[in-house]
């Protein structure tokens, strides 16, 4: 199965209520994650997470779908158009 590299942006409204579920889902897909950055914004009651990922479009879609189904969570992703072969992956 070919893999692609990409980014996922996650915005969490009212993270006090949802961040535990978001982190649980991200942990389930940790095998896809190359890097993660989280920015808390408690004054605005919002949290922002960016993920650098490498995986098949099916796996990335499953991750973003689960996250996007959580109330108060907005998810956007962008993937490279180049398919990585086995020798090119990490």
PDB file of N, CA and C in Angstrom:
ATOM      1  N   UNK A   1       0.845  -1.175   0.000  1.00  0.00           N
ATOM      2  CA  UNK A   1       0.000   0.000   0.000  1.00  0.00           C
ATOM      3  C   UNK A   1       0.894   1.244   0.000  1.00  0.00           C
ATOM      4  N   UNK A   2       0.617   2.185  -0.895  1.00  0.00           N
ATOM      5  CA  UNK A   2       1.454   3.376  -0.975  1.00  0.00           C
ATOM      6  C   UNK A   2       1.107   4.354   0.138  1.00  0.00           C
ATOM      7  N   UNK A   3       2.109   5.144   0.491  1.00  0.00           N
ATOM      8  CA  UNK A   3       1.956   6.128   1.556  1.00  0.00           C
ATOM      9  C   UNK A   3       2.180   7.514   0.991  1.00  0.00           C
ATOM     10  N   UNK A   4       1.633   8.504   1.696  1.00  0.00           N
ATOM     11  CA  UNK A   4       1.819   9.900   1.329  1.00  0.00           C
ATOM     12  C   UNK A   4       2.148  10.687   2.583  1.00  0.00           C
ATOM     13  N   UNK A   5       2.883  11.773   2.409  1.00  0.00           N
ATOM     14  CA  UNK A   5       3.208  12.661   3.522  1.00  0.00           C
ATOM     15  C   UNK A   5       2.252  13.843   3.464  1.00  0.00           C
ATOM     16  N   UNK A   6       1.858  14.329   4.624  1.00  0.00           N
ATOM     17  CA  UNK A   6       0.948  15.463   4.647  1.00  0.00           C
ATOM     18  C   UNK A   6       0.861  16.109   6.007  1.00  0.00           C
ATOM     19  N   UNK A   7      -0.066  17.038   6.119  1.00  0.00           N
ATOM     20  CA  UNK A   7      -0.311  17.744   7.366  1.00  0.00           C
ATOM     21  C   UNK A   7      -1.798  17.670   7.694  1.00  0.00           C
ATOM     22  N   UNK A   8      -2.069  17.666   8.991  1.00  0.00           N
ATOM     23  CA  UNK A   8      -3.447  17.723   9.475  1.00  0.00           C
ATOM     24  C   UNK A   8      -3.515  18.869  10.474  1.00  0.00           C
ATOM     25  N   UNK A   9      -4.461  19.772  10.262  1.00  0.00           N
ATOM     26  CA  UNK A   9      -4.702  20.868  11.194  1.00  0.00           C
ATOM     27  C   UNK A   9      -5.982  20.598  11.965  1.00  0.00           C
ATOM     28  N   UNK A  10      -5.906  20.742  13.284  1.00  0.00           N
ATOM     29  CA  UNK A  10      -7.054  20.446  14.144  1.00  0.00           C
ATOM     30  C   UNK A  10      -7.315  21.673  15.021  1.00  0.00           C
ATOM     31  N   UNK A  11      -8.532  22.174  15.008  1.00  0.00           N
ATOM     32  CA  UNK A  11      -8.934  23.273  15.890  1.00  0.00           C
ATOM     33  C   UNK A  11     -10.011  22.724  16.824  1.00  0.00           C
ATOM     34  N   UNK A  12      -9.772  22.903  18.123  1.00  0.00           N
ATOM     35  CA  UNK A  12     -10.680  22.361  19.136  1.00  0.00           C
ATOM     36  C   UNK A  12     -11.337  23.520  19.871  1.00  0.00           C
ATOM     37  N   UNK A  13     -12.647  23.669  19.710  1.00  0.00           N
ATOM     38  CA  UNK A  13     -13.401  24.648  20.490  1.00  0.00           C
ATOM     39  C   UNK A  13     -13.654  24.050  21.869  1.00  0.00           C
ATOM     40  N   UNK A  14     -13.443  24.846  22.898  1.00  0.00           N
ATOM     41  CA  UNK A  14     -13.682  24.405  24.272  1.00  0.00           C
ATOM     42  C   UNK A  14     -12.902  23.119  24.586  1.00  0.00           C
ATOM     43  N   UNK A  15     -11.574  23.177  24.522  1.00  0.00           N
ATOM     44  CA  UNK A  15     -10.756  21.966  24.680  1.00  0.00           C
ATOM     45  C   UNK A  15     -10.899  21.274  26.032  1.00  0.00           C
ATOM     46  N   UNK A  16     -11.371  21.974  27.046  1.00  0.00           N
ATOM     47  CA  UNK A  16     -11.559  21.335  28.343  1.00  0.00           C
ATOM     48  C   UNK A  16     -12.530  20.155  28.247  1.00  0.00           C
ATOM     49  N   UNK A  17     -13.456  20.240  27.308  1.00  0.00           N
ATOM     50  CA  UNK A  17     -14.465  19.193  27.155  1.00  0.00           C
ATOM     51  C   UNK A  17     -14.068  18.103  26.170  1.00  0.00           C
ATOM     52  N   UNK A  18     -13.212  18.421  25.196  1.00  0.00           N
ATOM     53  CA  UNK A  18     -12.987  17.503  24.080  1.00  0.00           C
ATOM     54  C   UNK A  18     -11.556  17.002  23.944  1.00  0.00           C
ATOM     55  N   UNK A  19     -10.583  17.688  24.537  1.00  0.00           N
ATOM     56  CA  UNK A  19      -9.178  17.362  24.258  1.00  0.00           C
ATOM     57  C   UNK A  19      -8.803  15.931  24.646  1.00  0.00           C
ATOM     58  N   UNK A  20      -9.414  15.392  25.683  1.00  0.00           N
ATOM     59  CA  UNK A  20      -9.099  14.009  26.071  1.00  0.00           C
ATOM     60  C   UNK A  20      -9.479  13.025  24.965  1.00  0.00           C
ATOM     61  N   UNK A  21     -10.639  13.224  24.356  1.00  0.00           N
ATOM     62  CA  UNK A  21     -11.066  12.338  23.262  1.00  0.00           C
ATOM     63  C   UNK A  21     -10.206  12.536  22.015  1.00  0.00           C
ATOM     64  N   UNK A  22      -9.824  13.795  21.748  1.00  0.00           N
ATOM     65  CA  UNK A  22      -8.952  14.074  20.605  1.00  0.00           C
ATOM     66  C   UNK A  22      -7.612  13.354  20.797  1.00  0.00           C
ATOM     67  N   UNK A  23      -7.017  13.500  21.971  1.00  0.00           N
ATOM     68  CA  UNK A  23      -5.726  12.865  22.230  1.00  0.00           C
ATOM     69  C   UNK A  23      -5.803  11.344  22.182  1.00  0.00           C
ATOM     70  N   UNK A  24      -6.915  10.771  22.594  1.00  0.00           N
ATOM     71  CA  UNK A  24      -7.077   9.317  22.528  1.00  0.00           C
ATOM     72  C   UNK A  24      -7.078   8.842  21.070  1.00  0.00           C
ATOM     73  N   UNK A  25      -7.783   9.561  20.210  1.00  0.00           N
ATOM     74  CA  UNK A  25      -7.825   9.190  18.797  1.00  0.00           C
ATOM     75  C   UNK A  25      -6.445   9.367  18.166  1.00  0.00           C
ATOM     76  N   UNK A  26      -5.781  10.474  18.462  1.00  0.00           N
ATOM     77  CA  UNK A  26      -4.438  10.697  17.916  1.00  0.00           C
ATOM     78  C   UNK A  26      -3.503   9.583  18.363  1.00  0.00           C
ATOM     79  N   UNK A  27      -3.609   9.140  19.602  1.00  0.00           N
ATOM     80  CA  UNK A  27      -2.761   8.047  20.106  1.00  0.00           C
ATOM     81  C   UNK A  27      -3.021   6.744  19.361  1.00  0.00           C
ATOM     82  N   UNK A  28      -4.273   6.490  18.999  1.00  0.00           N
ATOM     83  CA  UNK A  28      -4.614   5.284  18.247  1.00  0.00           C
ATOM     84  C   UNK A  28      -3.929   5.259  16.878  1.00  0.00           C
ATOM     85  N   UNK A  29      -3.651   6.432  16.328  1.00  0.00           N
ATOM     86  CA  UNK A  29      -3.035   6.549  15.010  1.00  0.00           C
ATOM     87  C   UNK A  29      -1.592   7.045  15.099  1.00  0.00           C
ATOM     88  N   UNK A  30      -0.943   6.811  16.221  1.00  0.00           N
ATOM     89  CA  UNK A  30       0.420   7.321  16.432  1.00  0.00           C
ATOM     90  C   UNK A  30       1.413   6.767  15.410  1.00  0.00           C
ATOM     91  N   UNK A  31       1.122   5.606  14.841  1.00  0.00           N
ATOM     92  CA  UNK A  31       2.017   5.030  13.831  1.00  0.00           C
ATOM     93  C   UNK A  31       2.081   5.878  12.554  1.00  0.00           C
ATOM     94  N   UNK A  32       1.130   6.783  12.359  1.00  0.00           N
ATOM     95  CA  UNK A  32       1.135   7.663  11.192  1.00  0.00           C
ATOM     96  C   UNK A  32       1.872   8.970  11.447  1.00  0.00           C
ATOM     97  N   UNK A  33       2.084   9.309  12.711  1.00  0.00           N
ATOM     98  CA  UNK A  33       2.526  10.657  13.070  1.00  0.00           C
ATOM     99  C   UNK A  33       4.044  10.759  13.106  1.00  0.00           C
ATOM    100  N   UNK A  34       4.567  11.710  12.322  1.00  0.00           N
ATOM    101  CA  UNK A  34       5.991  12.020  12.299  1.00  0.00           C
ATOM    102  C   UNK A  34       6.282  13.137  13.306  1.00  0.00           C
ATOM    103  N   UNK A  35       5.383  14.107  13.406  1.00  0.00           N
ATOM    104  CA  UNK A  35       5.573  15.237  14.311  1.00  0.00           C
ATOM    105  C   UNK A  35       4.246  15.815  14.740  1.00  0.00           C
ATOM    106  N   UNK A  36       4.278  16.485  15.903  1.00  0.00           N
ATOM    107  CA  UNK A  36       3.057  17.077  16.450  1.00  0.00           C
ATOM    108  C   UNK A  36       3.410  18.376  17.147  1.00  0.00           C
ATOM    109  N   UNK A  37       2.560  19.387  16.964  1.00  0.00           N
ATOM    110  CA  UNK A  37       2.704  20.647  17.682  1.00  0.00           C
ATOM    111  C   UNK A  37       1.322  21.061  18.175  1.00  0.00           C
ATOM    112  N   UNK A  38       1.245  21.402  19.443  1.00  0.00           N
ATOM    113  CA  UNK A  38      -0.012  21.858  20.019  1.00  0.00           C
ATOM    114  C   UNK A  38       0.142  23.245  20.601  1.00  0.00           C
ATOM    115  N   UNK A  39      -0.828  24.099  20.334  1.00  0.00           N
ATOM    116  CA  UNK A  39      -0.828  25.468  20.839  1.00  0.00           C
ATOM    117  C   UNK A  39      -2.116  25.670  21.644  1.00  0.00           C
ATOM    118  N   UNK A  40      -1.997  25.800  22.966  1.00  0.00           N
ATOM    119  CA  UNK A  40      -3.197  26.095  23.754  1.00  0.00           C
ATOM    120  C   UNK A  40      -3.509  27.592  23.705  1.00  0.00           C
ATOM    121  N   UNK A  41      -4.761  27.932  23.641  1.00  0.00           N
ATOM    122  CA  UNK A  41      -5.201  29.331  23.676  1.00  0.00           C
ATOM    123  C   UNK A  41      -6.324  29.440  24.705  1.00  0.00           C
ATOM    124  N   UNK A  42      -5.997  29.316  26.009  1.00  0.00           N
ATOM    125  CA  UNK A  42      -7.037  29.291  27.038  1.00  0.00           C
ATOM    126  C   UNK A  42      -7.879  30.566  27.098  1.00  0.00           C
ATOM    127  N   UNK A  43      -7.294  31.714  26.776  1.00  0.00           N
ATOM    128  CA  UNK A  43      -8.066  32.958  26.796  1.00  0.00           C
ATOM    129  C   UNK A  43      -9.199  32.937  25.775  1.00  0.00           C
ATOM    130  N   UNK A  44      -8.971  32.267  24.660  1.00  0.00           N
ATOM    131  CA  UNK A  44      -9.987  32.158  23.606  1.00  0.00           C
ATOM    132  C   UNK A  44     -10.770  30.847  23.691  1.00  0.00           C
ATOM    133  N   UNK A  45     -10.462  30.024  24.672  1.00  0.00           N
ATOM    134  CA  UNK A  45     -11.081  28.702  24.837  1.00  0.00           C
ATOM    135  C   UNK A  45     -10.997  27.884  23.555  1.00  0.00           C
ATOM    136  N   UNK A  46      -9.780  27.826  23.020  1.00  0.00           N
ATOM    137  CA  UNK A  46      -9.547  27.070  21.802  1.00  0.00           C
ATOM    138  C   UNK A  46      -8.164  26.423  21.881  1.00  0.00           C
ATOM    139  N   UNK A  47      -8.000  25.305  21.231  1.00  0.00           N
ATOM    140  CA  UNK A  47      -6.704  24.643  21.122  1.00  0.00           C
ATOM    141  C   UNK A  47      -6.438  24.313  19.668  1.00  0.00           C
ATOM    142  N   UNK A  48      -5.176  24.384  19.274  1.00  0.00           N
ATOM    143  CA  UNK A  48      -4.797  24.103  17.902  1.00  0.00           C
ATOM    144  C   UNK A  48      -3.719  23.032  17.912  1.00  0.00           C
ATOM    145  N   UNK A  49      -3.886  22.012  17.091  1.00  0.00           N
ATOM    146  CA  UNK A  49      -2.900  20.938  16.967  1.00  0.00           C
ATOM    147  C   UNK A  49      -2.566  20.786  15.491  1.00  0.00           C
ATOM    148  N   UNK A  50      -1.287  20.691  15.194  1.00  0.00           N
ATOM    149  CA  UNK A  50      -0.884  20.359  13.832  1.00  0.00           C
ATOM    150  C   UNK A  50      -0.094  19.057  13.865  1.00  0.00           C
ATOM    151  N   UNK A  51      -0.386  18.197  12.918  1.00  0.00           N
ATOM    152  CA  UNK A  51       0.272  16.899  12.812  1.00  0.00           C
ATOM    153  C   UNK A  51       0.952  16.787  11.457  1.00  0.00           C
ATOM    154  N   UNK A  52       2.165  16.277  11.452  1.00  0.00           N
ATOM    155  CA  UNK A  52       2.835  15.884  10.217  1.00  0.00           C
ATOM    156  C   UNK A  52       2.675  14.367  10.157  1.00  0.00           C
ATOM    157  N   UNK A  53       2.123  13.873   9.075  1.00  0.00           N
ATOM    158  CA  UNK A  53       1.789  12.449   9.004  1.00  0.00           C
ATOM    159  C   UNK A  53       2.377  11.796   7.762  1.00  0.00           C
ATOM    160  N   UNK A  54       2.488  10.476   7.836  1.00  0.00           N
ATOM    161  CA  UNK A  54       2.870   9.657   6.688  1.00  0.00           C
ATOM    162  C   UNK A  54       2.035   8.390   6.741  1.00  0.00           C
ATOM    163  N   UNK A  55       1.225   8.176   5.719  1.00  0.00           N
ATOM    164  CA  UNK A  55       0.386   6.991   5.710  1.00  0.00           C
ATOM    165  C   UNK A  55      -0.436   6.896   4.449  1.00  0.00           C
ATOM    166  N   UNK A  56      -1.192   5.822   4.361  1.00  0.00           N
ATOM    167  CA  UNK A  56      -2.068   5.633   3.202  1.00  0.00           C
ATOM    168  C   UNK A  56      -3.245   6.604   3.310  1.00  0.00           C
ATOM    169  N   UNK A  57      -3.845   6.887   2.174  1.00  0.00           N
ATOM    170  CA  UNK A  57      -4.999   7.787   2.191  1.00  0.00           C
ATOM    171  C   UNK A  57      -6.147   7.199   3.006  1.00  0.00           C
ATOM    172  N   UNK A  58      -6.265   5.881   3.024  1.00  0.00           N
ATOM    173  CA  UNK A  58      -7.313   5.246   3.826  1.00  0.00           C
ATOM    174  C   UNK A  58      -7.091   5.480   5.318  1.00  0.00           C
ATOM    175  N   UNK A  59      -5.844   5.309   5.781  1.00  0.00           N
ATOM    176  CA  UNK A  59      -5.550   5.511   7.198  1.00  0.00           C
ATOM    177  C   UNK A  59      -5.690   6.976   7.601  1.00  0.00           C
ATOM    178  N   UNK A  60      -5.216   7.866   6.754  1.00  0.00           N
ATOM    179  CA  UNK A  60      -5.335   9.299   7.045  1.00  0.00           C
ATOM    180  C   UNK A  60      -6.813   9.704   7.066  1.00  0.00           C
ATOM    181  N   UNK A  61      -7.579   9.179   6.137  1.00  0.00           N
ATOM    182  CA  UNK A  61      -9.010   9.461   6.104  1.00  0.00           C
ATOM    183  C   UNK A  61      -9.736   8.949   7.331  1.00  0.00           C
ATOM    184  N   UNK A  62      -9.331   7.779   7.821  1.00  0.00           N
ATOM    185  CA  UNK A  62      -9.947   7.230   9.028  1.00  0.00           C
ATOM    186  C   UNK A  62      -9.646   8.132  10.228  1.00  0.00           C
ATOM    187  N   UNK A  63      -8.399   8.592  10.337  1.00  0.00           N
ATOM    188  CA  UNK A  63      -8.015   9.477  11.434  1.00  0.00           C
ATOM    189  C   UNK A  63      -8.792  10.789  11.372  1.00  0.00           C
ATOM    190  N   UNK A  64      -8.794  11.445  10.223  1.00  0.00           N
ATOM    191  CA  UNK A  64      -9.474  12.731  10.116  1.00  0.00           C
ATOM    192  C   UNK A  64     -10.991  12.585  10.268  1.00  0.00           C
ATOM    193  N   UNK A  65     -11.526  11.466   9.805  1.00  0.00           N
ATOM    194  CA  UNK A  65     -12.961  11.229   9.958  1.00  0.00           C
ATOM    195  C   UNK A  65     -13.370  11.094  11.414  1.00  0.00           C
ATOM    196  N   UNK A  66     -12.602  10.330  12.184  1.00  0.00           N
ATOM    197  CA  UNK A  66     -12.915  10.172  13.612  1.00  0.00           C
ATOM    198  C   UNK A  66     -12.795  11.497  14.352  1.00  0.00           C
ATOM    199  N   UNK A  67     -11.740  12.253  14.043  1.00  0.00           N
ATOM    200  CA  UNK A  67     -11.572  13.546  14.698  1.00  0.00           C
ATOM    201  C   UNK A  67     -12.686  14.514  14.313  1.00  0.00           C
ATOM    202  N   UNK A  68     -13.017  14.559  13.041  1.00  0.00           N
ATOM    203  CA  UNK A  68     -14.033  15.476  12.555  1.00  0.00           C
ATOM    204  C   UNK A  68     -15.432  15.183  13.063  1.00  0.00           C
ATOM    205  N   UNK A  69     -15.676  13.959  13.515  1.00  0.00           N
ATOM    206  CA  UNK A  69     -16.989  13.602  14.055  1.00  0.00           C
ATOM    207  C   UNK A  69     -17.171  14.032  15.498  1.00  0.00           C
ATOM    208  N   UNK A  70     -16.096  14.473  16.150  1.00  0.00           N
ATOM    209  CA  UNK A  70     -16.217  14.952  17.530  1.00  0.00           C
ATOM    210  C   UNK A  70     -16.848  16.340  17.530  1.00  0.00           C
ATOM    211  N   UNK A  71     -17.766  16.601  18.466  1.00  0.00           N
ATOM    212  CA  UNK A  71     -18.372  17.940  18.521  1.00  0.00           C
ATOM    213  C   UNK A  71     -17.328  18.998  18.891  1.00  0.00           C
ATOM    214  N   UNK A  72     -17.369  20.123  18.193  1.00  0.00           N
ATOM    215  CA  UNK A  72     -16.453  21.218  18.482  1.00  0.00           C
ATOM    216  C   UNK A  72     -15.059  21.049  17.919  1.00  0.00           C
ATOM    217  N   UNK A  73     -14.859  20.064  17.021  1.00  0.00           N
ATOM    218  CA  UNK A  73     -13.544  19.818  16.434  1.00  0.00           C
ATOM    219  C   UNK A  73     -13.630  20.040  14.921  1.00  0.00           C
ATOM    220  N   UNK A  74     -12.724  20.880  14.413  1.00  0.00           N
ATOM    221  CA  UNK A  74     -12.626  21.135  12.977  1.00  0.00           C
ATOM    222  C   UNK A  74     -11.293  20.586  12.493  1.00  0.00           C
ATOM    223  N   UNK A  75     -11.324  19.832  11.399  1.00  0.00           N
ATOM    224  CA  UNK A  75     -10.121  19.159  10.888  1.00  0.00           C
ATOM    225  C   UNK A  75      -9.959  19.464   9.400  1.00  0.00           C
ATOM    226  N   UNK A  76      -8.735  19.792   9.011  1.00  0.00           N
ATOM    227  CA  UNK A  76      -8.395  19.961   7.599  1.00  0.00           C
ATOM    228  C   UNK A  76      -7.085  19.222   7.345  1.00  0.00           C
ATOM    229  N   UNK A  77      -6.969  18.619   6.179  1.00  0.00           N
ATOM    230  CA  UNK A  77      -5.735  17.901   5.858  1.00  0.00           C
ATOM    231  C   UNK A  77      -5.281  18.245   4.448  1.00  0.00           C
ATOM    232  N   UNK A  78      -3.992  18.096   4.237  1.00  0.00           N
ATOM    233  CA  UNK A  78      -3.398  18.278   2.911  1.00  0.00           C
ATOM    234  C   UNK A  78      -2.329  17.210   2.746  1.00  0.00           C
ATOM    235  N   UNK A  79      -2.381  16.485   1.636  1.00  0.00           N
ATOM    236  CA  UNK A  79      -1.427  15.408   1.366  1.00  0.00           C
ATOM    237  C   UNK A  79      -0.647  15.713   0.097  1.00  0.00           C
ATOM    238  N   UNK A  80       0.579  15.221   0.055  1.00  0.00           N
ATOM    239  CA  UNK A  80       1.361  15.348  -1.167  1.00  0.00           C
ATOM    240  C   UNK A  80       0.718  14.516  -2.267  1.00  0.00           C
ATOM    241  N   UNK A  81       0.975  14.889  -3.487  1.00  0.00           N
ATOM    242  CA  UNK A  81       0.440  14.106  -4.599  1.00  0.00           C
ATOM    243  C   UNK A  81       1.337  12.918  -4.910  1.00  0.00           C
ATOM    244  N   UNK A  82       2.567  12.955  -4.447  1.00  0.00           N
ATOM    245  CA  UNK A  82       3.524  11.892  -4.729  1.00  0.00           C
ATOM    246  C   UNK A  82       3.272  10.690  -3.805  1.00  0.00           C
ATOM    247  N   UNK A  83       3.156   9.512  -4.389  1.00  0.00           N
ATOM    248  CA  UNK A  83       3.056   8.283  -3.623  1.00  0.00           C
ATOM    249  C   UNK A  83       4.462   7.812  -3.275  1.00  0.00           C
ATOM    250  N   UNK A  84       4.693   7.508  -2.010  1.00  0.00           N
ATOM    251  CA  UNK A  84       5.994   7.018  -1.580  1.00  0.00           C
ATOM    252  C   UNK A  84       6.044   5.512  -1.731  1.00  0.00           C
ATOM    253  N   UNK A  85       7.144   5.017  -2.248  1.00  0.00           N
ATOM    254  CA  UNK A  85       7.319   3.578  -2.347  1.00  0.00           C
ATOM    255  C   UNK A  85       8.004   3.081  -1.083  1.00  0.00           C
ATOM    256  N   UNK A  86       8.080   1.777  -0.948  1.00  0.00           N
ATOM    257  CA  UNK A  86       8.621   1.171   0.255  1.00  0.00           C
ATOM    258  C   UNK A  86      10.008   1.692   0.612  1.00  0.00           C
ATOM    259  N   UNK A  87      10.870   1.902  -0.334  1.00  0.00           N
ATOM    260  CA  UNK A  87      12.225   2.368  -0.068  1.00  0.00           C
ATOM    261  C   UNK A  87      12.308   3.823   0.350  1.00  0.00           C
ATOM    262  N   UNK A  88      11.249   4.599   0.099  1.00  0.00           N
ATOM    263  CA  UNK A  88      11.260   6.029   0.403  1.00  0.00           C
ATOM    264  C   UNK A  88      10.689   6.355   1.768  1.00  0.00           C
ATOM    265  N   UNK A  89      10.047   5.397   2.427  1.00  0.00           N
ATOM    266  CA  UNK A  89       9.425   5.683   3.715  1.00  0.00           C
ATOM    267  C   UNK A  89      10.465   5.624   4.821  1.00  0.00           C
ATOM    268  N   UNK A  90      10.109   6.185   5.943  1.00  0.00           N
ATOM    269  CA  UNK A  90      11.061   6.205   7.055  1.00  0.00           C
ATOM    270  C   UNK A  90      11.162   4.882   7.744  1.00  0.00           C
TER     271      UNK A  90
END
